[in-house]
Amino acid sequence: MVLRSFDELERFMGLEVFATDTEGIGGRIRCRYEDFVVEEVLLDGEVVRVGAEVPVNLSKYVRSGPWTWFILEKRGVDTLRAVWELVKRLGVDFSRVSWGGYKDAFAVTAQVVSVFGVAPHKLRSVQLPSNMCIKVPVASDRPFTPSCIFGNHFCIVIRCIELSESEIERRIGAILEELNSLGGLPSFYGHQRFGTRRPNTHLVGKYIVKERFEDAVMELIARPYPYESSSIAEIRKIIWESRDYAKALTLLPKRYDVERLVLEHLSKYPRDFVGALRRLPRNLLTLFIEAYQAYLFNKVLSRRLERGLPISKPVRGDFVALLDPHGFPTKSLVKVTDSNRDKVFELIRDGKAALVLNVFGYNTILADGEPGEVEREVLKEEELSLEDFKIKSMPELSSRGTIRPASTRILNFRFEVEEDELHPGYRRVTVEFTLRRGNYATILLREIMKPRNVVEAGY
């Protein structure tokens, strides 16, 4: 029997179970920004190092062209907001910027970003907030995209641990053994995909998919959550009860730029909820849809673990994807049957294929057998049809769906136990590891820590 999540907030994100049942070490992450370091790993294995004068030589990857690649280092701000700040200061459209992946907000991170039509010398001279900096801009013939990265290297400090050094080592060792026996870490989408202070990105996406646009807007701007400040919660309550969008604009601080864009539109066109949503950058709107898809994926993967179905070896009715030379899934899919099962297992054993699960969209082909039962169960609970992902009133947000590996290997893992210098009498653990792109450090951390309250634990 699997261990169920202790925290209602995790279950709200579709994270219903743990993959391991060894007791966690507890503790807290993100006591300081420097306790959570994320460094992008490029496709050739080169690591974009935080704090290095020249984190990586970008010139070797590109020829001169209309794009500019650069290293963005940031502290205490998420990638989307950092890019938003950058485009405002450059005076360019948000759509001109691309990057390989979203990096954590409460962290110190380094990643490659690209911008179209802005010369390297202009990026060198742009004035940014003190918690952001640009390094080594170079002209490029192409944008930087997710296909340019292998993954991320993490160095994370877990503090406030009450256990002895030997017990910490025993529990972490046992958890890693359990994950290894499963064939890897479940590829759940992590907490930051949904938010923890306002864990509603998937709800906004759900309402858009179901074309309940007023509900989507009200969820975005007006629904308060327990971990928000009381003053902001009060403003959201005013919006919810009065629909006085002009008044809300005068009350809401300028840093709430997403809500303010929506409110500005509604103050002029109070019933145009689609138009209000379209004031937001396409990247952000797409994130809402992807968050709902992530929630559905998490529920399917949770139910799979609950039923005792494997996450690295397929059963009848599952899909496997052939892998590219870097080990990422291609679009070449095989549905597992009794007749081809031995051949499929051989491909997986040779590292040429991997078990994948559906990320639902209107082109999704559901699995058969017990895996298909799980998918249909989740869709039924959500009162959702795959055709709903064809969003007629906002077709630009329609989603075909995709696939995602059910599990991922943890690479280069090591840890060290020391006394916690910030909290005398407690211990800290520094963990380092690498994950392939699209995977979340917090999913490994939740297995190690088994948090009772993810917000209090720093997630």
Protein backbone atom coordinates (compact mmCIF):
# COMPACT_ATOMS: atom_id res chain seq x y z
CA MET A 1 0.00 0.00 0.00
CA VAL A 2 1.46 3.37 -1.02
CA LEU A 3 2.01 6.25 1.38
CA ARG A 4 -0.47 9.05 0.76
CA SER A 5 0.50 12.72 0.81
CA PHE A 6 0.13 14.32 4.23
CA ASP A 7 -0.72 17.78 2.88
CA GLU A 8 -4.07 18.76 1.41
CA LEU A 9 -2.28 21.35 -0.72
CA GLU A 10 -0.26 18.62 -2.44
CA ARG A 11 -3.39 16.61 -3.14
CA PHE A 12 -4.90 19.81 -4.59
CA MET A 13 -2.04 19.69 -7.13
CA GLY A 14 -2.65 16.04 -8.00
CA LEU A 15 0.31 14.90 -5.87
CA GLU A 16 -1.74 12.29 -4.05
CA VAL A 17 0.95 9.77 -3.05
CA PHE A 18 4.64 9.24 -2.43
CA ALA A 19 6.62 6.71 -4.44
CA THR A 20 8.56 5.62 -1.34
CA ASP A 21 7.39 4.67 2.14
CA THR A 22 10.63 5.15 4.11
CA GLU A 23 10.11 7.86 6.72
CA GLY A 24 11.42 11.25 5.60
CA ILE A 25 14.04 13.41 7.29
CA GLY A 26 11.78 16.46 7.71
CA GLY A 27 13.41 19.87 7.69
CA ARG A 28 12.97 23.04 5.70
CA ILE A 29 14.31 24.31 2.38
CA ARG A 30 14.83 27.89 1.10
CA CYS A 31 15.78 29.46 4.43
CA ARG A 32 18.00 31.67 2.25
CA TYR A 33 18.06 32.24 -1.50
CA GLU A 34 21.56 30.73 -1.58
CA ASP A 35 20.18 27.49 -0.13
CA PHE A 36 18.56 26.69 -3.48
CA VAL A 37 20.91 27.00 -6.47
CA VAL A 38 19.80 26.00 -9.98
CA GLU A 39 22.29 25.86 -12.85
CA GLU A 40 21.16 25.03 -16.38
CA VAL A 41 22.88 22.10 -18.09
CA LEU A 42 23.22 22.46 -21.85
CA LEU A 43 22.72 19.59 -24.27
CA ASP A 44 26.46 18.84 -24.44
CA GLY A 45 26.70 18.64 -20.63
CA GLU A 46 28.17 22.12 -20.10
CA VAL A 47 26.87 23.67 -16.86
CA VAL A 48 25.93 27.37 -16.70
CA ARG A 49 27.63 28.17 -13.41
CA VAL A 50 26.21 30.69 -10.95
CA GLY A 51 28.67 33.44 -10.06
CA ALA A 52 31.22 32.68 -12.77
CA GLU A 53 32.55 35.68 -14.70
CA VAL A 54 32.06 33.70 -17.93
CA PRO A 55 29.54 30.98 -16.97
CA VAL A 56 29.82 29.30 -20.39
CA ASN A 57 31.22 30.17 -23.82
CA LEU A 58 28.02 30.69 -25.83
CA SER A 59 29.86 31.63 -29.03
CA LYS A 60 30.74 28.00 -29.75
CA TYR A 61 27.06 27.09 -30.15
CA VAL A 62 25.96 29.74 -32.67
CA ARG A 63 26.70 31.74 -35.79
CA SER A 64 26.04 35.47 -35.99
CA GLY A 65 22.43 36.44 -36.66
CA PRO A 66 19.44 38.54 -35.50
CA TRP A 67 19.07 36.83 -32.13
CA THR A 68 21.19 37.46 -29.05
CA TRP A 69 21.91 34.73 -26.52
CA PHE A 70 22.95 35.69 -23.00
CA ILE A 71 23.25 34.31 -19.48
CA LEU A 72 20.59 35.52 -17.06
CA GLU A 73 21.51 35.21 -13.40
CA LYS A 74 18.77 36.03 -10.94
CA ARG A 75 18.07 35.89 -7.23
CA GLY A 76 14.62 35.77 -5.67
CA VAL A 77 12.60 36.19 -8.87
CA ASP A 78 10.99 33.68 -11.24
CA THR A 79 11.94 33.46 -14.91
CA LEU A 80 8.67 34.88 -16.23
CA ARG A 81 8.81 37.98 -14.04
CA ALA A 82 12.51 38.47 -14.80
CA VAL A 83 11.82 38.38 -18.54
CA TRP A 84 8.89 40.74 -18.05
CA GLU A 85 11.22 43.19 -16.29
CA LEU A 86 13.79 42.83 -19.07
CA VAL A 87 11.40 43.50 -21.98
CA LYS A 88 10.00 46.59 -20.26
CA ARG A 89 13.50 48.03 -19.99
CA LEU A 90 14.46 47.04 -23.52
CA GLY A 91 11.19 48.32 -24.96
CA VAL A 92 10.51 45.14 -26.95
CA ASP A 93 7.55 42.77 -27.16
CA PHE A 94 7.47 39.82 -24.77
CA SER A 95 7.12 37.41 -27.71
CA ARG A 96 10.66 38.24 -28.86
CA VAL A 97 12.20 36.45 -25.87
CA SER A 98 12.70 32.70 -25.53
CA TRP A 99 14.42 30.43 -23.03
CA GLY A 100 14.93 26.77 -22.19
CA GLY A 101 12.98 26.40 -18.97
CA TYR A 102 11.42 28.16 -16.01
CA LYS A 103 13.69 28.44 -12.97
CA ASP A 104 12.62 28.72 -9.34
CA ALA A 105 11.79 32.10 -7.81
CA PHE A 106 13.09 31.66 -4.24
CA ALA A 107 16.53 30.62 -5.48
CA VAL A 108 19.75 31.70 -7.12
CA THR A 109 19.72 30.57 -10.75
CA ALA A 110 21.67 30.81 -14.00
CA GLN A 111 20.23 30.08 -17.44
CA VAL A 112 20.50 31.00 -21.10
CA VAL A 113 17.92 33.37 -22.59
CA SER A 114 17.61 34.75 -26.12
CA VAL A 115 16.00 37.89 -27.54
CA PHE A 116 15.27 38.79 -31.16
CA GLY A 117 16.35 42.10 -32.68
CA VAL A 118 18.39 43.42 -29.75
CA ALA A 119 22.14 43.71 -30.31
CA PRO A 120 24.61 42.37 -27.71
CA HIS A 121 25.93 45.86 -26.91
CA LYS A 122 22.44 47.04 -25.96
CA LEU A 123 22.04 44.13 -23.54
CA ARG A 124 25.39 44.96 -21.95
CA SER A 125 24.17 48.47 -21.16
CA VAL A 126 20.61 47.73 -19.98
CA GLN A 127 19.99 48.67 -16.34
CA LEU A 128 18.36 45.84 -14.39
CA PRO A 129 17.32 45.44 -10.73
CA SER A 130 20.12 44.43 -8.37
CA ASN A 131 18.82 40.83 -8.15
CA MET A 132 19.29 40.25 -11.91
CA CYS A 133 22.29 40.46 -14.20
CA ILE A 134 23.16 39.70 -17.82
CA LYS A 135 26.44 38.08 -18.82
CA VAL A 136 28.27 37.30 -22.09
CA PRO A 137 25.66 38.31 -24.71
CA VAL A 138 26.52 36.98 -28.19
CA ALA A 139 24.80 37.32 -31.58
CA SER A 140 23.04 34.15 -32.74
CA ASP A 141 21.36 32.80 -35.85
CA ARG A 142 18.57 31.09 -33.87
CA PRO A 143 16.57 31.33 -30.65
CA PHE A 144 17.43 29.44 -27.48
CA THR A 145 14.68 26.88 -26.79
CA PRO A 146 14.03 23.91 -24.47
CA SER A 147 15.63 21.60 -27.05
CA CYS A 148 18.96 23.33 -26.34
CA ILE A 149 19.17 22.09 -22.75
CA PHE A 150 19.74 18.71 -21.13
CA GLY A 151 18.41 19.65 -17.72
CA ASN A 152 19.37 21.36 -14.49
CA HIS A 153 21.96 20.85 -11.77
CA PHE A 154 20.75 21.56 -8.24
CA CYS A 155 22.58 22.33 -5.01
CA ILE A 156 20.04 22.54 -2.19
CA VAL A 157 20.36 22.89 1.58
CA ILE A 158 17.74 21.26 3.82
CA ARG A 159 17.87 22.82 7.30
CA CYS A 160 16.25 22.42 10.73
CA ILE A 161 16.59 18.61 10.76
CA GLU A 162 16.15 17.06 14.21
CA LEU A 163 17.62 13.62 13.43
CA SER A 164 21.10 12.26 14.12
CA GLU A 165 23.64 12.14 11.31
CA SER A 166 23.47 8.34 11.12
CA GLU A 167 19.66 8.33 10.95
CA ILE A 168 19.65 10.98 8.22
CA GLU A 169 22.11 8.91 6.20
CA ARG A 170 20.09 5.73 6.75
CA ARG A 171 16.80 7.27 5.64
CA ILE A 172 18.21 9.00 2.56
CA GLY A 173 19.99 5.79 1.56
CA ALA A 174 16.80 3.74 1.95
CA ILE A 175 14.73 6.26 -0.04
CA LEU A 176 17.24 6.24 -2.89
CA GLU A 177 17.22 2.44 -2.90
CA GLU A 178 13.43 2.44 -3.15
CA LEU A 179 13.51 4.89 -6.05
CA ASN A 180 16.19 2.85 -7.78
CA SER A 181 14.07 -0.28 -7.46
CA LEU A 182 11.19 1.59 -9.13
CA GLY A 183 13.49 2.52 -12.02
CA GLY A 184 13.69 6.20 -11.12
CA LEU A 185 11.83 9.16 -9.70
CA PRO A 186 8.18 9.62 -10.72
CA SER A 187 8.00 12.47 -13.25
CA PHE A 188 5.38 14.42 -11.32
CA TYR A 189 5.07 18.10 -12.11
CA GLY A 190 6.38 20.04 -9.11
CA HIS A 191 4.82 22.52 -6.75
CA GLN A 192 6.09 25.62 -8.56
CA ARG A 193 4.06 24.64 -11.64
CA PHE A 194 0.94 25.43 -9.59
CA GLY A 195 2.18 27.94 -7.02
CA THR A 196 2.12 27.41 -3.25
CA ARG A 197 1.09 30.86 -2.01
CA ARG A 198 -1.67 30.99 -4.64
CA PRO A 199 -1.90 27.40 -5.94
CA ASN A 200 -4.41 28.15 -8.66
CA THR A 201 -2.66 28.28 -12.04
CA HIS A 202 -4.24 24.93 -12.93
CA LEU A 203 -7.69 26.17 -11.90
CA VAL A 204 -7.37 29.20 -14.18
CA GLY A 205 -6.35 26.78 -16.94
CA LYS A 206 -9.25 24.44 -16.17
CA TYR A 207 -11.78 27.26 -16.48
CA ILE A 208 -10.25 28.41 -19.78
CA VAL A 209 -10.38 24.86 -21.16
CA LYS A 210 -14.03 24.61 -20.13
CA GLU A 211 -14.64 28.10 -21.62
CA ARG A 212 -15.78 29.46 -18.25
CA PHE A 213 -13.91 32.69 -18.81
CA GLU A 214 -15.50 34.76 -16.06
CA ASP A 215 -14.57 32.03 -13.57
CA ALA A 216 -11.01 32.00 -14.97
CA VAL A 217 -10.65 35.76 -14.53
CA MET A 218 -12.16 35.79 -11.04
CA GLU A 219 -9.91 32.91 -9.98
CA LEU A 220 -6.92 34.87 -11.25
CA ILE A 221 -7.66 38.27 -9.73
CA ALA A 222 -10.28 37.88 -7.01
CA ARG A 223 -9.99 34.61 -5.11
CA PRO A 224 -7.91 35.00 -1.93
CA TYR A 225 -5.72 32.20 -0.57
CA PRO A 226 -4.65 31.55 3.04
CA TYR A 227 -0.93 32.27 2.60
CA GLU A 228 -1.42 35.70 0.98
CA SER A 229 -1.09 38.88 3.01
CA SER A 230 -4.30 40.03 4.66
CA SER A 231 -4.22 43.37 2.81
CA ILE A 232 -4.08 41.70 -0.63
CA ALA A 233 -6.73 39.19 0.42
CA GLU A 234 -8.99 42.11 1.37
CA ILE A 235 -8.53 43.74 -2.05
CA ARG A 236 -9.36 40.45 -3.76
CA LYS A 237 -12.48 40.19 -1.61
CA ILE A 238 -13.56 43.67 -2.77
CA ILE A 239 -13.16 42.60 -6.40
CA TRP A 240 -15.10 39.38 -5.78
CA GLU A 241 -18.02 41.08 -4.03
CA SER A 242 -18.29 44.41 -5.86
CA ARG A 243 -16.83 43.81 -9.34
CA ASP A 244 -15.58 47.40 -9.00
CA TYR A 245 -12.52 46.97 -11.20
CA ALA A 246 -11.61 50.66 -11.33
CA LYS A 247 -11.53 50.89 -7.54
CA ALA A 248 -9.44 47.72 -7.34
CA LEU A 249 -6.89 49.31 -9.68
CA THR A 250 -6.38 52.17 -7.23
CA LEU A 251 -5.86 49.73 -4.35
CA LEU A 252 -3.72 46.98 -5.86
CA PRO A 253 0.07 47.58 -5.66
CA LYS A 254 1.87 48.06 -8.97
CA ARG A 255 3.92 44.89 -8.51
CA TYR A 256 0.75 42.89 -9.21
CA ASP A 257 1.16 43.56 -12.92
CA VAL A 258 -0.76 40.49 -14.14
CA GLU A 259 -3.86 41.38 -12.16
CA ARG A 260 -3.54 45.04 -13.10
CA LEU A 261 -3.48 44.28 -16.84
CA VAL A 262 -6.72 42.34 -16.45
CA LEU A 263 -8.30 45.01 -14.24
CA GLU A 264 -7.38 47.80 -16.68
CA HIS A 265 -9.31 46.02 -19.42
CA LEU A 266 -12.29 45.17 -17.23
CA SER A 267 -12.56 48.73 -15.95
CA LYS A 268 -13.36 49.72 -19.57
CA TYR A 269 -15.13 46.55 -20.73
CA PRO A 270 -16.62 44.91 -17.61
CA ARG A 271 -18.06 41.84 -19.36
CA ASP A 272 -15.23 41.14 -21.82
CA PHE A 273 -13.45 38.38 -19.93
CA VAL A 274 -11.84 36.86 -23.03
CA GLY A 275 -10.44 40.27 -23.95
CA ALA A 276 -9.14 40.71 -20.41
CA LEU A 277 -7.28 37.40 -20.58
CA ARG A 278 -5.86 38.32 -23.97
CA ARG A 279 -4.14 41.32 -22.38
CA LEU A 280 -1.73 38.84 -20.81
CA PRO A 281 1.38 37.50 -22.60
CA ARG A 282 0.74 34.33 -24.60
CA ASN A 283 3.47 32.53 -22.60
CA LEU A 284 1.53 33.14 -19.39
CA LEU A 285 -1.81 32.06 -20.84
CA THR A 286 -0.19 28.90 -22.17
CA LEU A 287 1.21 28.27 -18.69
CA PHE A 288 -2.33 28.16 -17.31
CA ILE A 289 -3.35 25.47 -19.81
CA GLU A 290 -0.15 23.53 -19.17
CA ALA A 291 -0.72 23.73 -15.41
CA TYR A 292 -4.12 22.07 -15.80
CA GLN A 293 -2.57 19.40 -18.01
CA ALA A 294 0.12 18.95 -15.33
CA TYR A 295 -2.53 18.49 -12.65
CA LEU A 296 -4.25 15.80 -14.73
CA PHE A 297 -0.91 14.08 -15.39
CA ASN A 298 -0.11 14.08 -11.66
CA LYS A 299 -3.46 12.50 -10.87
CA VAL A 300 -2.95 9.77 -13.46
CA LEU A 301 0.58 9.03 -12.22
CA SER A 302 -0.63 9.02 -8.58
CA ARG A 303 -3.40 6.54 -9.39
CA ARG A 304 -0.91 4.39 -11.28
CA LEU A 305 1.29 4.18 -8.19
CA GLU A 306 -1.76 3.49 -6.02
CA ARG A 307 -2.68 0.52 -8.21
CA GLY A 308 0.85 -0.85 -8.05
CA LEU A 309 1.47 -0.32 -11.76
CA PRO A 310 5.15 0.14 -12.65
CA ILE A 311 6.53 3.54 -13.69
CA SER A 312 9.59 2.39 -15.63
CA LYS A 313 8.31 -0.82 -17.23
CA PRO A 314 5.17 -0.88 -19.37
CA VAL A 315 2.18 -3.17 -19.04
CA ARG A 316 -0.29 -4.12 -21.74
CA GLY A 317 -2.02 -1.01 -23.08
CA ASP A 318 0.80 1.39 -22.18
CA PHE A 319 2.71 3.55 -24.65
CA VAL A 320 6.47 3.60 -25.00
CA ALA A 321 8.40 6.20 -26.98
CA LEU A 322 11.61 5.67 -28.90
CA LEU A 323 14.39 7.90 -27.56
CA ASP A 324 16.63 10.34 -29.40
CA PRO A 325 20.44 10.22 -29.04
CA HIS A 326 20.22 12.37 -25.89
CA GLY A 327 17.68 10.06 -24.25
CA PHE A 328 14.60 12.24 -24.75
CA PRO A 329 11.35 10.78 -26.14
CA THR A 330 10.57 11.21 -29.83
CA LYS A 331 7.12 11.21 -31.43
CA SER A 332 7.57 7.56 -32.42
CA LEU A 333 5.19 5.69 -30.12
CA VAL A 334 4.43 2.01 -29.69
CA LYS A 335 1.39 0.69 -27.82
CA VAL A 336 2.34 -2.38 -25.79
CA THR A 337 0.52 -5.61 -26.62
CA ASP A 338 1.04 -9.22 -25.61
CA SER A 339 2.68 -9.91 -28.97
CA ASN A 340 5.27 -7.07 -28.93
CA ARG A 341 5.97 -6.91 -25.20
CA ASP A 342 9.29 -8.81 -25.31
CA LYS A 343 10.63 -6.58 -28.10
CA VAL A 344 9.54 -3.45 -26.21
CA PHE A 345 11.27 -4.63 -23.04
CA GLU A 346 14.43 -5.23 -25.07
CA LEU A 347 14.33 -1.64 -26.40
CA ILE A 348 13.88 -0.27 -22.88
CA ARG A 349 16.70 -2.43 -21.53
CA ASP A 350 19.00 -1.14 -24.28
CA GLY A 351 18.13 2.49 -23.49
CA LYS A 352 16.34 3.00 -26.80
CA ALA A 353 12.79 3.47 -25.48
CA ALA A 354 10.95 4.54 -22.33
CA LEU A 355 7.49 4.28 -20.80
CA VAL A 356 5.52 7.50 -21.39
CA LEU A 357 2.16 8.76 -20.17
CA ASN A 358 -0.28 11.10 -21.86
CA VAL A 359 -0.39 14.82 -21.23
CA PHE A 360 -3.99 15.24 -22.31
CA GLY A 361 -5.01 17.28 -25.35
CA TYR A 362 -7.49 17.03 -28.20
CA ASN A 363 -5.21 14.69 -30.23
CA THR A 364 -4.50 12.32 -27.34
CA ILE A 365 -4.97 8.60 -27.94
CA LEU A 366 -5.83 7.02 -24.62
CA ALA A 367 -4.02 3.94 -23.35
CA ASP A 368 -5.68 0.52 -23.27
CA GLY A 369 -6.02 -1.99 -20.45
CA GLU A 370 -5.53 -0.93 -16.85
CA PRO A 371 -3.49 2.20 -17.78
CA GLY A 372 -6.43 3.32 -19.92
CA GLU A 373 -8.83 2.67 -17.05
CA VAL A 374 -6.81 5.08 -14.91
CA GLU A 375 -6.88 7.79 -17.59
CA ARG A 376 -10.63 7.47 -18.14
CA GLU A 377 -11.25 7.52 -14.39
CA VAL A 378 -9.44 10.86 -14.04
CA LEU A 379 -11.19 12.38 -17.07
CA LYS A 380 -14.56 11.29 -15.69
CA GLU A 381 -13.82 12.83 -12.28
CA GLU A 382 -12.97 16.11 -13.98
CA GLU A 383 -16.06 15.91 -16.23
CA LEU A 384 -13.62 16.51 -19.07
CA SER A 385 -13.59 15.52 -22.72
CA LEU A 386 -10.39 15.55 -24.77
CA GLU A 387 -12.27 17.73 -27.27
CA ASP A 388 -12.47 20.41 -24.55
CA PHE A 389 -8.83 21.22 -25.32
CA LYS A 390 -10.08 22.73 -28.60
CA ILE A 391 -10.87 26.11 -27.06
CA LYS A 392 -13.23 27.71 -29.55
CA SER A 393 -13.29 31.21 -28.05
CA MET A 394 -9.50 31.29 -27.60
CA PRO A 395 -8.22 28.92 -30.31
CA GLU A 396 -4.66 30.17 -29.84
CA LEU A 397 -4.64 28.29 -26.51
CA SER A 398 -5.94 24.99 -27.88
CA SER A 399 -3.63 22.08 -27.09
CA ARG A 400 -3.03 18.88 -29.05
CA GLY A 401 -1.51 17.22 -26.00
CA THR A 402 1.83 15.49 -25.75
CA ILE A 403 3.61 12.71 -23.87
CA ARG A 404 5.91 12.70 -20.86
CA PRO A 405 8.14 9.98 -19.40
CA ALA A 406 6.58 8.33 -16.37
CA SER A 407 9.89 8.40 -14.50
CA THR A 408 13.36 9.90 -14.66
CA ARG A 409 16.77 8.87 -13.40
CA ILE A 410 18.46 10.95 -10.69
CA LEU A 411 21.96 11.77 -11.90
CA ASN A 412 25.15 12.66 -10.00
CA PHE A 413 23.45 12.49 -6.59
CA ARG A 414 25.48 13.16 -3.47
CA PHE A 415 24.76 14.57 -0.04
CA GLU A 416 26.57 15.82 3.04
CA VAL A 417 25.31 16.11 6.63
CA GLU A 418 26.59 18.98 8.80
CA GLU A 419 25.58 21.04 11.80
CA ASP A 420 23.07 23.75 10.86
CA GLU A 421 24.94 27.02 11.46
CA LEU A 422 21.69 29.02 11.22
CA HIS A 423 19.81 26.86 13.72
CA PRO A 424 22.07 25.61 16.55
CA GLY A 425 21.20 22.13 17.76
CA TYR A 426 19.82 21.06 14.37
CA ARG A 427 21.47 19.50 11.33
CA ARG A 428 21.48 20.41 7.70
CA VAL A 429 21.86 18.29 4.58
CA THR A 430 23.32 19.65 1.34
CA VAL A 431 22.12 17.62 -1.64
CA GLU A 432 23.46 17.91 -5.18
CA PHE A 433 21.99 16.21 -8.23
CA THR A 434 21.07 16.64 -11.88
CA LEU A 435 17.65 16.08 -13.46
CA ARG A 436 16.67 16.01 -17.11
CA ARG A 437 14.74 18.99 -18.43
CA GLY A 438 11.10 19.17 -17.43
CA ASN A 439 11.69 17.50 -14.05
CA TYR A 440 11.46 19.16 -10.65
CA ALA A 441 13.87 19.12 -7.73
CA THR A 442 10.97 19.44 -5.29
CA ILE A 443 9.63 16.05 -6.39
CA LEU A 444 12.84 14.39 -5.18
CA LEU A 445 12.90 16.60 -2.08
CA ARG A 446 9.35 15.62 -1.09
CA GLU A 447 10.38 11.95 -1.17
CA ILE A 448 13.42 12.68 1.01
CA MET A 449 11.67 15.05 3.44
CA LYS A 450 8.05 13.75 3.45
CA PRO A 451 6.74 17.23 4.43
CA ARG A 452 3.59 17.51 6.53
CA ASN A 453 3.04 21.10 5.37
CA VAL A 454 4.75 22.05 2.11
CA VAL A 455 4.48 25.81 2.66
CA GLU A 456 6.04 25.64 6.12
CA ALA A 457 8.71 23.31 4.69
CA GLY A 458 9.68 26.00 2.16
CA TYR A 459 8.20 24.60 -1.03
